């Protein structure tokens, strides 16, 4: 979660802020299907470009922008 310096996720998980937890887990109220793609992006360091579903592609781009992960 902290692999992209300056991103909102990096700030959130840096230890500088207290995280709100639900049942001992950090709850991030975002679209789960799209957030899985964000996690994949963070793990692999590669942006997913070949998304056939235009709606999903748009939501993924919006999520990258939301977390300040969009390098383009």
PDB file of N, CA and C in Angstrom:
ATOM      1  N   UNK A   1       0.816  -1.188   0.000  1.00  0.00           N
ATOM      2  CA  UNK A   1       0.000   0.000   0.000  1.00  0.00           C
ATOM      3  C   UNK A   1       0.868   1.263   0.000  1.00  0.00           C
ATOM      4  N   UNK A   2       2.106   1.123   0.378  1.00  0.00           N
ATOM      5  CA  UNK A   2       2.979   2.295   0.477  1.00  0.00           C
ATOM      6  C   UNK A   2       3.999   2.352  -0.653  1.00  0.00           C
ATOM      7  N   UNK A   3       3.792   1.564  -1.698  1.00  0.00           N
ATOM      8  CA  UNK A   3       4.804   1.466  -2.751  1.00  0.00           C
ATOM      9  C   UNK A   3       4.879   2.676  -3.682  1.00  0.00           C
ATOM     10  N   UNK A   4       3.872   3.540  -3.663  1.00  0.00           N
ATOM     11  CA  UNK A   4       3.894   4.730  -4.523  1.00  0.00           C
ATOM     12  C   UNK A   4       4.023   5.968  -3.634  1.00  0.00           C
ATOM     13  N   UNK A   5       5.248   6.493  -3.523  1.00  0.00           N
ATOM     14  CA  UNK A   5       5.459   7.668  -2.680  1.00  0.00           C
ATOM     15  C   UNK A   5       4.572   8.843  -3.108  1.00  0.00           C
ATOM     16  N   UNK A   6       4.011   9.508  -2.123  1.00  0.00           N
ATOM     17  CA  UNK A   6       3.171  10.662  -2.400  1.00  0.00           C
ATOM     18  C   UNK A   6       1.717  10.347  -2.697  1.00  0.00           C
ATOM     19  N   UNK A   7       1.389   9.061  -2.797  1.00  0.00           N
ATOM     20  CA  UNK A   7      -0.001   8.689  -3.075  1.00  0.00           C
ATOM     21  C   UNK A   7      -0.819   8.763  -1.785  1.00  0.00           C
ATOM     22  N   UNK A   8      -2.115   8.824  -1.945  1.00  0.00           N
ATOM     23  CA  UNK A   8      -3.007   8.851  -0.787  1.00  0.00           C
ATOM     24  C   UNK A   8      -2.903   7.549   0.011  1.00  0.00           C
ATOM     25  N   UNK A   9      -2.706   6.432  -0.663  1.00  0.00           N
ATOM     26  CA  UNK A   9      -2.558   5.163   0.049  1.00  0.00           C
ATOM     27  C   UNK A   9      -1.265   5.147   0.851  1.00  0.00           C
ATOM     28  N   UNK A  10      -0.208   5.692   0.299  1.00  0.00           N
ATOM     29  CA  UNK A  10       1.066   5.756   1.016  1.00  0.00           C
ATOM     30  C   UNK A  10       0.898   6.594   2.282  1.00  0.00           C
ATOM     31  N   UNK A  11       0.232   7.715   2.158  1.00  0.00           N
ATOM     32  CA  UNK A  11      -0.002   8.571   3.322  1.00  0.00           C
ATOM     33  C   UNK A  11      -0.881   7.866   4.347  1.00  0.00           C
ATOM     34  N   UNK A  12      -1.900   7.193   3.867  1.00  0.00           N
ATOM     35  CA  UNK A  12      -2.858   6.522   4.754  1.00  0.00           C
ATOM     36  C   UNK A  12      -2.186   5.431   5.587  1.00  0.00           C
ATOM     37  N   UNK A  13      -1.272   4.657   4.963  1.00  0.00           N
ATOM     38  CA  UNK A  13      -0.652   3.516   5.619  1.00  0.00           C
ATOM     39  C   UNK A  13       0.771   3.790   6.110  1.00  0.00           C
ATOM     40  N   UNK A  14       1.181   5.038   6.118  1.00  0.00           N
ATOM     41  CA  UNK A  14       2.550   5.401   6.499  1.00  0.00           C
ATOM     42  C   UNK A  14       2.788   5.324   8.001  1.00  0.00           C
ATOM     43  N   UNK A  15       1.724   5.273   8.774  1.00  0.00           N
ATOM     44  CA  UNK A  15       1.860   5.314  10.217  1.00  0.00           C
ATOM     45  C   UNK A  15       1.675   6.714  10.771  1.00  0.00           C
ATOM     46  N   UNK A  16       1.538   7.694   9.884  1.00  0.00           N
ATOM     47  CA  UNK A  16       1.339   9.079  10.317  1.00  0.00           C
ATOM     48  C   UNK A  16      -0.097   9.336  10.748  1.00  0.00           C
ATOM     49  N   UNK A  17      -1.003   8.463  10.355  1.00  0.00           N
ATOM     50  CA  UNK A  17      -2.423   8.652  10.646  1.00  0.00           C
ATOM     51  C   UNK A  17      -2.972   7.413  11.350  1.00  0.00           C
ATOM     52  N   UNK A  18      -3.941   7.642  12.216  1.00  0.00           N
ATOM     53  CA  UNK A  18      -4.623   6.520  12.843  1.00  0.00           C
ATOM     54  C   UNK A  18      -5.671   5.995  11.870  1.00  0.00           C
ATOM     55  N   UNK A  19      -5.622   4.704  11.612  1.00  0.00           N
ATOM     56  CA  UNK A  19      -6.567   4.104  10.671  1.00  0.00           C
ATOM     57  C   UNK A  19      -7.798   3.598  11.410  1.00  0.00           C
ATOM     58  N   UNK A  20      -8.962   3.918  10.874  1.00  0.00           N
ATOM     59  CA  UNK A  20     -10.212   3.407  11.424  1.00  0.00           C
ATOM     60  C   UNK A  20     -10.337   1.935  11.024  1.00  0.00           C
ATOM     61  N   UNK A  21     -10.615   1.108  12.007  1.00  0.00           N
ATOM     62  CA  UNK A  21     -10.719  -0.326  11.738  1.00  0.00           C
ATOM     63  C   UNK A  21     -12.101  -0.842  12.080  1.00  0.00           C
ATOM     64  N   UNK A  22     -12.531  -1.840  11.331  1.00  0.00           N
ATOM     65  CA  UNK A  22     -13.790  -2.547  11.559  1.00  0.00           C
ATOM     66  C   UNK A  22     -13.424  -4.006  11.776  1.00  0.00           C
ATOM     67  N   UNK A  23     -13.769  -4.525  12.938  1.00  0.00           N
ATOM     68  CA  UNK A  23     -13.416  -5.909  13.285  1.00  0.00           C
ATOM     69  C   UNK A  23     -11.910  -6.156  13.154  1.00  0.00           C
ATOM     70  N   UNK A  24     -11.112  -5.165  13.535  1.00  0.00           N
ATOM     71  CA  UNK A  24      -9.660  -5.300  13.508  1.00  0.00           C
ATOM     72  C   UNK A  24      -9.020  -5.112  12.142  1.00  0.00           C
ATOM     73  N   UNK A  25      -9.816  -4.782  11.148  1.00  0.00           N
ATOM     74  CA  UNK A  25      -9.301  -4.619   9.787  1.00  0.00           C
ATOM     75  C   UNK A  25      -9.565  -3.210   9.289  1.00  0.00           C
ATOM     76  N   UNK A  26      -8.652  -2.729   8.473  1.00  0.00           N
ATOM     77  CA  UNK A  26      -8.853  -1.418   7.860  1.00  0.00           C
ATOM     78  C   UNK A  26      -9.946  -1.569   6.809  1.00  0.00           C
ATOM     79  N   UNK A  27     -10.943  -0.715   6.878  1.00  0.00           N
ATOM     80  CA  UNK A  27     -12.043  -0.751   5.915  1.00  0.00           C
ATOM     81  C   UNK A  27     -11.874   0.399   4.940  1.00  0.00           C
ATOM     82  N   UNK A  28     -11.782   0.065   3.671  1.00  0.00           N
ATOM     83  CA  UNK A  28     -11.679   1.070   2.611  1.00  0.00           C
ATOM     84  C   UNK A  28     -12.967   0.976   1.799  1.00  0.00           C
ATOM     85  N   UNK A  29     -13.776   2.001   1.891  1.00  0.00           N
ATOM     86  CA  UNK A  29     -15.101   1.998   1.269  1.00  0.00           C
ATOM     87  C   UNK A  29     -15.007   2.404  -0.198  1.00  0.00           C
ATOM     88  N   UNK A  30     -14.532   1.477  -1.018  1.00  0.00           N
ATOM     89  CA  UNK A  30     -14.389   1.696  -2.450  1.00  0.00           C
ATOM     90  C   UNK A  30     -14.961   0.478  -3.183  1.00  0.00           C
ATOM     91  N   UNK A  31     -15.123   0.583  -4.484  1.00  0.00           N
ATOM     92  CA  UNK A  31     -15.618  -0.511  -5.328  1.00  0.00           C
ATOM     93  C   UNK A  31     -14.621  -1.673  -5.255  1.00  0.00           C
ATOM     94  N   UNK A  32     -15.044  -2.788  -4.685  1.00  0.00           N
ATOM     95  CA  UNK A  32     -14.143  -3.925  -4.456  1.00  0.00           C
ATOM     96  C   UNK A  32     -13.539  -4.470  -5.743  1.00  0.00           C
ATOM     97  N   UNK A  33     -14.335  -4.576  -6.801  1.00  0.00           N
ATOM     98  CA  UNK A  33     -13.824  -5.118  -8.069  1.00  0.00           C
ATOM     99  C   UNK A  33     -12.710  -4.241  -8.630  1.00  0.00           C
ATOM    100  N   UNK A  34     -12.899  -2.950  -8.554  1.00  0.00           N
ATOM    101  CA  UNK A  34     -11.898  -2.024  -9.088  1.00  0.00           C
ATOM    102  C   UNK A  34     -10.700  -1.945  -8.145  1.00  0.00           C
ATOM    103  N   UNK A  35     -10.949  -1.967  -6.836  1.00  0.00           N
ATOM    104  CA  UNK A  35      -9.842  -1.873  -5.883  1.00  0.00           C
ATOM    105  C   UNK A  35      -8.919  -3.085  -5.990  1.00  0.00           C
ATOM    106  N   UNK A  36      -9.463  -4.251  -6.351  1.00  0.00           N
ATOM    107  CA  UNK A  36      -8.618  -5.425  -6.604  1.00  0.00           C
ATOM    108  C   UNK A  36      -7.613  -5.134  -7.713  1.00  0.00           C
ATOM    109  N   UNK A  37      -8.041  -4.390  -8.708  1.00  0.00           N
ATOM    110  CA  UNK A  37      -7.147  -4.022  -9.806  1.00  0.00           C
ATOM    111  C   UNK A  37      -6.074  -3.052  -9.312  1.00  0.00           C
ATOM    112  N   UNK A  38      -6.435  -2.173  -8.414  1.00  0.00           N
ATOM    113  CA  UNK A  38      -5.467  -1.243  -7.824  1.00  0.00           C
ATOM    114  C   UNK A  38      -4.420  -2.029  -7.045  1.00  0.00           C
ATOM    115  N   UNK A  39      -4.863  -3.008  -6.269  1.00  0.00           N
ATOM    116  CA  UNK A  39      -3.934  -3.847  -5.505  1.00  0.00           C
ATOM    117  C   UNK A  39      -2.986  -4.575  -6.456  1.00  0.00           C
ATOM    118  N   UNK A  40      -3.511  -5.107  -7.535  1.00  0.00           N
ATOM    119  CA  UNK A  40      -2.674  -5.774  -8.534  1.00  0.00           C
ATOM    120  C   UNK A  40      -1.639  -4.805  -9.109  1.00  0.00           C
ATOM    121  N   UNK A  41      -2.074  -3.601  -9.407  1.00  0.00           N
ATOM    122  CA  UNK A  41      -1.172  -2.560  -9.913  1.00  0.00           C
ATOM    123  C   UNK A  41      -0.051  -2.289  -8.904  1.00  0.00           C
ATOM    124  N   UNK A  42      -0.390  -2.182  -7.633  1.00  0.00           N
ATOM    125  CA  UNK A  42       0.610  -1.921  -6.601  1.00  0.00           C
ATOM    126  C   UNK A  42       1.565  -3.098  -6.432  1.00  0.00           C
ATOM    127  N   UNK A  43       1.048  -4.305  -6.520  1.00  0.00           N
ATOM    128  CA  UNK A  43       1.893  -5.501  -6.366  1.00  0.00           C
ATOM    129  C   UNK A  43       2.869  -5.660  -7.522  1.00  0.00           C
ATOM    130  N   UNK A  44       2.378  -5.432  -8.726  1.00  0.00           N
ATOM    131  CA  UNK A  44       3.172  -5.711  -9.919  1.00  0.00           C
ATOM    132  C   UNK A  44       3.902  -4.504 -10.474  1.00  0.00           C
ATOM    133  N   UNK A  45       3.494  -3.323 -10.054  1.00  0.00           N
ATOM    134  CA  UNK A  45       4.133  -2.121 -10.574  1.00  0.00           C
ATOM    135  C   UNK A  45       3.826  -1.869 -12.037  1.00  0.00           C
ATOM    136  N   UNK A  46       2.804  -2.543 -12.550  1.00  0.00           N
ATOM    137  CA  UNK A  46       2.436  -2.396 -13.959  1.00  0.00           C
ATOM    138  C   UNK A  46       0.982  -1.984 -14.073  1.00  0.00           C
ATOM    139  N   UNK A  47       0.753  -1.031 -14.896  1.00  0.00           N
ATOM    140  CA  UNK A  47      -0.591  -0.546 -15.156  1.00  0.00           C
ATOM    141  C   UNK A  47      -1.317  -1.519 -16.090  1.00  0.00           C
ATOM    142  N   UNK A  48      -2.578  -1.753 -15.830  1.00  0.00           N
ATOM    143  CA  UNK A  48      -3.388  -2.627 -16.676  1.00  0.00           C
ATOM    144  C   UNK A  48      -3.934  -1.780 -17.822  1.00  0.00           C
ATOM    145  N   UNK A  49      -3.478  -2.046 -19.037  1.00  0.00           N
ATOM    146  CA  UNK A  49      -3.906  -1.253 -20.186  1.00  0.00           C
ATOM    147  C   UNK A  49      -4.981  -1.953 -21.014  1.00  0.00           C
ATOM    148  N   UNK A  50      -4.942  -3.270 -21.056  1.00  0.00           N
ATOM    149  CA  UNK A  50      -5.865  -4.016 -21.916  1.00  0.00           C
ATOM    150  C   UNK A  50      -7.105  -4.436 -21.135  1.00  0.00           C
ATOM    151  N   UNK A  51      -7.987  -3.473 -20.899  1.00  0.00           N
ATOM    152  CA  UNK A  51      -9.250  -3.767 -20.220  1.00  0.00           C
ATOM    153  C   UNK A  51     -10.349  -3.635 -21.274  1.00  0.00           C
ATOM    154  N   UNK A  52     -10.972  -4.760 -21.594  1.00  0.00           N
ATOM    155  CA  UNK A  52     -11.956  -4.771 -22.676  1.00  0.00           C
ATOM    156  C   UNK A  52     -13.236  -4.010 -22.317  1.00  0.00           C
ATOM    157  N   UNK A  53     -13.660  -4.134 -21.082  1.00  0.00           N
ATOM    158  CA  UNK A  53     -14.890  -3.474 -20.624  1.00  0.00           C
ATOM    159  C   UNK A  53     -14.611  -1.985 -20.401  1.00  0.00           C
ATOM    160  N   UNK A  54     -15.174  -1.143 -21.247  1.00  0.00           N
ATOM    161  CA  UNK A  54     -14.903   0.299 -21.183  1.00  0.00           C
ATOM    162  C   UNK A  54     -15.333   0.922 -19.855  1.00  0.00           C
ATOM    163  N   UNK A  55     -16.438   0.456 -19.309  1.00  0.00           N
ATOM    164  CA  UNK A  55     -16.905   0.972 -18.025  1.00  0.00           C
ATOM    165  C   UNK A  55     -15.910   0.636 -16.919  1.00  0.00           C
ATOM    166  N   UNK A  56     -15.437  -0.595 -16.907  1.00  0.00           N
ATOM    167  CA  UNK A  56     -14.457  -1.024 -15.919  1.00  0.00           C
ATOM    168  C   UNK A  56     -13.149  -0.257 -16.095  1.00  0.00           C
ATOM    169  N   UNK A  57     -12.744  -0.070 -17.331  1.00  0.00           N
ATOM    170  CA  UNK A  57     -11.523   0.682 -17.617  1.00  0.00           C
ATOM    171  C   UNK A  57     -11.634   2.115 -17.086  1.00  0.00           C
ATOM    172  N   UNK A  58     -12.774   2.740 -17.300  1.00  0.00           N
ATOM    173  CA  UNK A  58     -12.996   4.105 -16.827  1.00  0.00           C
ATOM    174  C   UNK A  58     -12.990   4.159 -15.296  1.00  0.00           C
ATOM    175  N   UNK A  59     -13.622   3.178 -14.661  1.00  0.00           N
ATOM    176  CA  UNK A  59     -13.651   3.142 -13.200  1.00  0.00           C
ATOM    177  C   UNK A  59     -12.260   2.912 -12.621  1.00  0.00           C
ATOM    178  N   UNK A  60     -11.455   2.087 -13.297  1.00  0.00           N
ATOM    179  CA  UNK A  60     -10.079   1.846 -12.858  1.00  0.00           C
ATOM    180  C   UNK A  60      -9.257   3.128 -12.961  1.00  0.00           C
ATOM    181  N   UNK A  61      -9.393   3.835 -14.068  1.00  0.00           N
ATOM    182  CA  UNK A  61      -8.676   5.108 -14.248  1.00  0.00           C
ATOM    183  C   UNK A  61      -9.091   6.113 -13.172  1.00  0.00           C
ATOM    184  N   UNK A  62     -10.373   6.158 -12.863  1.00  0.00           N
ATOM    185  CA  UNK A  62     -10.865   7.064 -11.826  1.00  0.00           C
ATOM    186  C   UNK A  62     -10.306   6.686 -10.452  1.00  0.00           C
ATOM    187  N   UNK A  63     -10.177   5.385 -10.205  1.00  0.00           N
ATOM    188  CA  UNK A  63      -9.647   4.925  -8.920  1.00  0.00           C
ATOM    189  C   UNK A  63      -8.165   5.279  -8.786  1.00  0.00           C
ATOM    190  N   UNK A  64      -7.408   5.125  -9.867  1.00  0.00           N
ATOM    191  CA  UNK A  64      -6.002   5.529  -9.841  1.00  0.00           C
ATOM    192  C   UNK A  64      -5.885   7.016  -9.548  1.00  0.00           C
ATOM    193  N   UNK A  65      -6.746   7.782 -10.158  1.00  0.00           N
ATOM    194  CA  UNK A  65      -6.755   9.230  -9.931  1.00  0.00           C
ATOM    195  C   UNK A  65      -7.142   9.547  -8.485  1.00  0.00           C
ATOM    196  N   UNK A  66      -8.134   8.871  -7.970  1.00  0.00           N
ATOM    197  CA  UNK A  66      -8.614   9.083  -6.606  1.00  0.00           C
ATOM    198  C   UNK A  66      -7.481   8.904  -5.594  1.00  0.00           C
ATOM    199  N   UNK A  67      -6.685   7.859  -5.773  1.00  0.00           N
ATOM    200  CA  UNK A  67      -5.595   7.551  -4.841  1.00  0.00           C
ATOM    201  C   UNK A  67      -4.297   8.242  -5.231  1.00  0.00           C
ATOM    202  N   UNK A  68      -4.330   9.077  -6.255  1.00  0.00           N
ATOM    203  CA  UNK A  68      -3.136   9.789  -6.726  1.00  0.00           C
ATOM    204  C   UNK A  68      -2.052   8.798  -7.170  1.00  0.00           C
ATOM    205  N   UNK A  69      -2.472   7.761  -7.883  1.00  0.00           N
ATOM    206  CA  UNK A  69      -1.581   6.729  -8.391  1.00  0.00           C
ATOM    207  C   UNK A  69      -1.367   6.850  -9.896  1.00  0.00           C
ATOM    208  N   UNK A  70      -2.061   7.763 -10.520  1.00  0.00           N
ATOM    209  CA  UNK A  70      -2.015   7.902 -11.975  1.00  0.00           C
ATOM    210  C   UNK A  70      -0.760   8.652 -12.397  1.00  0.00           C
ATOM    211  N   UNK A  71       0.152   7.922 -13.026  1.00  0.00           N
ATOM    212  CA  UNK A  71       1.415   8.528 -13.444  1.00  0.00           C
ATOM    213  C   UNK A  71       1.326   9.253 -14.768  1.00  0.00           C
ATOM    214  N   UNK A  72       0.236   9.116 -15.461  1.00  0.00           N
ATOM    215  CA  UNK A  72       0.119   9.730 -16.790  1.00  0.00           C
ATOM    216  C   UNK A  72      -0.572  11.066 -16.712  1.00  0.00           C
TER     217      UNK A  72
END
